[in-house]
Amino acid sequence: MDNQTVVVLGASDRPERYSNQAIHLLRQYSHTVLPVNPGLSEIEAPTGYPDLNCYPDLESINGKVDTLTLYLNPSALEAQLDSILRLNPGRVIFNPGTESGKAQTTLTQAGIPWCEDCTLIMLRNNRF
């Protein structure tokens, strides 16, 4: 598994949330994690890791993004489609509950690969 730059859209600072668990597991697997949530300034990290600054929006991210993993409900996600297209990630993961036919069609038309899967399971099963 190569080190990737991974954007977590819909990041949470609450440990019980899957987006928070994904952030920490991605870091354990040595990926560069860029959390996005306009309501947070940082994500607290477990012992041994520095806290992560949280981006307010996708427009604040510069550089190549290998994977965009989604933790937004479909209506909130669809409002982000233009920003996602500008980001032009190498692939998009629709985690359970984020599936959106409109978003998937838009990504397909733009040539951006996507899948419906669970980031946590993908990491644990070496499918990331």
Protein backbone atom coordinates (compact mmCIF):
# COMPACT_ATOMS: atom_id res chain seq x y z
CA MET A 1 0.00 0.00 0.00
CA ASP A 2 1.65 3.21 -1.17
CA ASN A 3 1.53 6.37 0.90
CA GLN A 4 -1.29 8.53 -0.44
CA THR A 5 -2.64 11.99 0.15
CA VAL A 6 -6.19 11.42 1.35
CA VAL A 7 -8.85 14.09 1.86
CA VAL A 8 -11.57 13.21 4.38
CA LEU A 9 -14.63 15.30 3.49
CA GLY A 10 -16.96 15.46 6.48
CA ALA A 11 -14.24 14.96 9.09
CA SER A 12 -15.32 14.76 12.72
CA ASP A 13 -13.51 15.32 16.00
CA ARG A 14 -15.80 12.82 17.74
CA PRO A 15 -14.01 9.47 18.26
CA GLU A 16 -17.19 7.43 17.77
CA ARG A 17 -17.69 8.79 14.23
CA TYR A 18 -16.44 6.68 11.34
CA SER A 19 -14.77 9.67 9.70
CA ASN A 20 -12.69 10.20 12.85
CA GLN A 21 -11.78 6.52 12.98
CA ALA A 22 -10.80 6.65 9.31
CA ILE A 23 -8.54 9.64 9.91
CA HIS A 24 -6.64 7.81 12.64
CA LEU A 25 -6.43 4.52 10.74
CA LEU A 26 -5.21 6.28 7.58
CA ARG A 27 -2.44 7.86 9.65
CA GLN A 28 -1.53 4.49 11.17
CA TYR A 29 -1.09 3.24 7.60
CA SER A 30 1.23 6.22 6.91
CA HIS A 31 -1.08 8.15 4.60
CA THR A 32 -1.09 11.94 4.56
CA VAL A 33 -4.54 12.96 5.81
CA LEU A 34 -6.25 16.27 5.04
CA PRO A 35 -9.51 16.54 7.03
CA VAL A 36 -12.19 18.95 5.79
CA ASN A 37 -14.92 20.40 8.03
CA PRO A 38 -15.79 24.12 8.10
CA GLY A 39 -16.79 23.90 11.76
CA LEU A 40 -13.48 22.53 13.08
CA SER A 41 -10.01 24.01 13.33
CA GLU A 42 -8.23 20.76 14.22
CA ILE A 43 -8.67 17.05 14.89
CA GLU A 44 -7.13 15.77 18.10
CA ALA A 45 -4.77 12.87 17.50
CA PRO A 46 -4.03 9.82 19.61
CA THR A 47 -0.85 9.76 21.67
CA GLY A 48 2.22 9.67 19.46
CA TYR A 49 0.71 11.68 16.61
CA PRO A 50 0.47 15.45 16.22
CA ASP A 51 -3.00 16.99 16.03
CA LEU A 52 -4.22 17.69 12.49
CA ASN A 53 -5.28 21.08 11.19
CA CYS A 54 -8.73 20.88 9.64
CA TYR A 55 -9.41 22.60 6.31
CA PRO A 56 -12.57 24.72 6.06
CA ASP A 57 -13.34 23.62 2.48
CA LEU A 58 -11.96 21.77 -0.52
CA GLU A 59 -10.79 25.03 -2.13
CA SER A 60 -8.24 25.40 0.67
CA ILE A 61 -6.41 22.25 -0.41
CA ASN A 62 -3.50 22.59 -2.80
CA GLY A 63 -1.59 19.87 -4.58
CA LYS A 64 -2.33 16.38 -5.79
CA VAL A 65 -5.00 14.37 -3.98
CA ASP A 66 -4.87 10.62 -4.49
CA THR A 67 -8.12 9.75 -2.71
CA LEU A 68 -11.17 11.68 -1.56
CA THR A 69 -13.16 9.70 1.00
CA LEU A 70 -16.68 10.93 1.69
CA TYR A 71 -18.52 11.21 5.00
CA LEU A 72 -21.33 13.60 4.01
CA ASN A 73 -24.99 12.91 3.45
CA PRO A 74 -25.95 12.94 -0.25
CA SER A 75 -27.56 16.40 -0.26
CA ALA A 76 -24.54 18.02 1.42
CA LEU A 77 -22.26 16.07 -0.91
CA GLU A 78 -24.08 17.22 -4.04
CA ALA A 79 -23.54 20.83 -2.98
CA GLN A 80 -19.78 20.09 -3.11
CA LEU A 81 -19.66 18.66 -6.64
CA ASP A 82 -18.04 21.68 -8.32
CA SER A 83 -15.37 21.76 -5.62
CA ILE A 84 -14.75 18.02 -5.99
CA LEU A 85 -14.32 18.41 -9.75
CA ARG A 86 -11.83 21.26 -9.22
CA LEU A 87 -9.93 19.11 -6.72
CA ASN A 88 -9.76 16.34 -9.34
CA PRO A 89 -8.87 13.49 -6.96
CA GLY A 90 -7.40 10.25 -8.27
CA ARG A 91 -10.47 8.43 -6.93
CA VAL A 92 -13.48 8.96 -4.69
CA ILE A 93 -14.76 6.56 -2.03
CA PHE A 94 -18.46 6.72 -1.18
CA ASN A 95 -18.63 5.36 2.36
CA PRO A 96 -21.93 3.79 3.49
CA GLY A 97 -24.69 6.40 3.63
CA THR A 98 -23.01 8.83 1.23
CA GLU A 99 -24.11 7.23 -2.04
CA SER A 100 -25.46 9.70 -4.59
CA GLY A 101 -26.46 8.84 -8.13
CA LYS A 102 -26.04 12.47 -9.17
CA ALA A 103 -22.52 12.66 -7.73
CA GLN A 104 -21.54 9.30 -9.20
CA THR A 105 -22.80 10.28 -12.66
CA THR A 106 -20.97 13.62 -12.45
CA LEU A 107 -17.72 11.90 -11.46
CA THR A 108 -18.06 9.30 -14.22
CA GLN A 109 -18.63 12.04 -16.82
CA ALA A 110 -15.53 13.84 -15.52
CA GLY A 111 -13.42 10.67 -15.74
CA ILE A 112 -12.85 10.47 -11.98
CA PRO A 113 -12.93 6.87 -10.72
CA TRP A 114 -15.19 6.14 -7.75
CA CYS A 115 -16.35 3.20 -5.67
CA GLU A 116 -18.93 2.45 -3.00
CA ASP A 117 -16.98 0.94 -0.11
CA CYS A 118 -15.89 1.49 3.47
CA THR A 119 -12.52 3.15 4.00
CA LEU A 120 -12.02 1.34 7.32
CA ILE A 121 -12.63 -2.10 5.81
CA MET A 122 -10.55 -1.30 2.74
CA LEU A 123 -7.59 -0.37 4.95
CA ARG A 124 -7.92 -3.39 7.24
CA ASN A 125 -8.19 -5.77 4.27
CA ASN A 126 -5.30 -4.24 2.28
CA ARG A 127 -7.65 -3.03 -0.48
CA PHE A 128 -6.98 0.66 -0.05
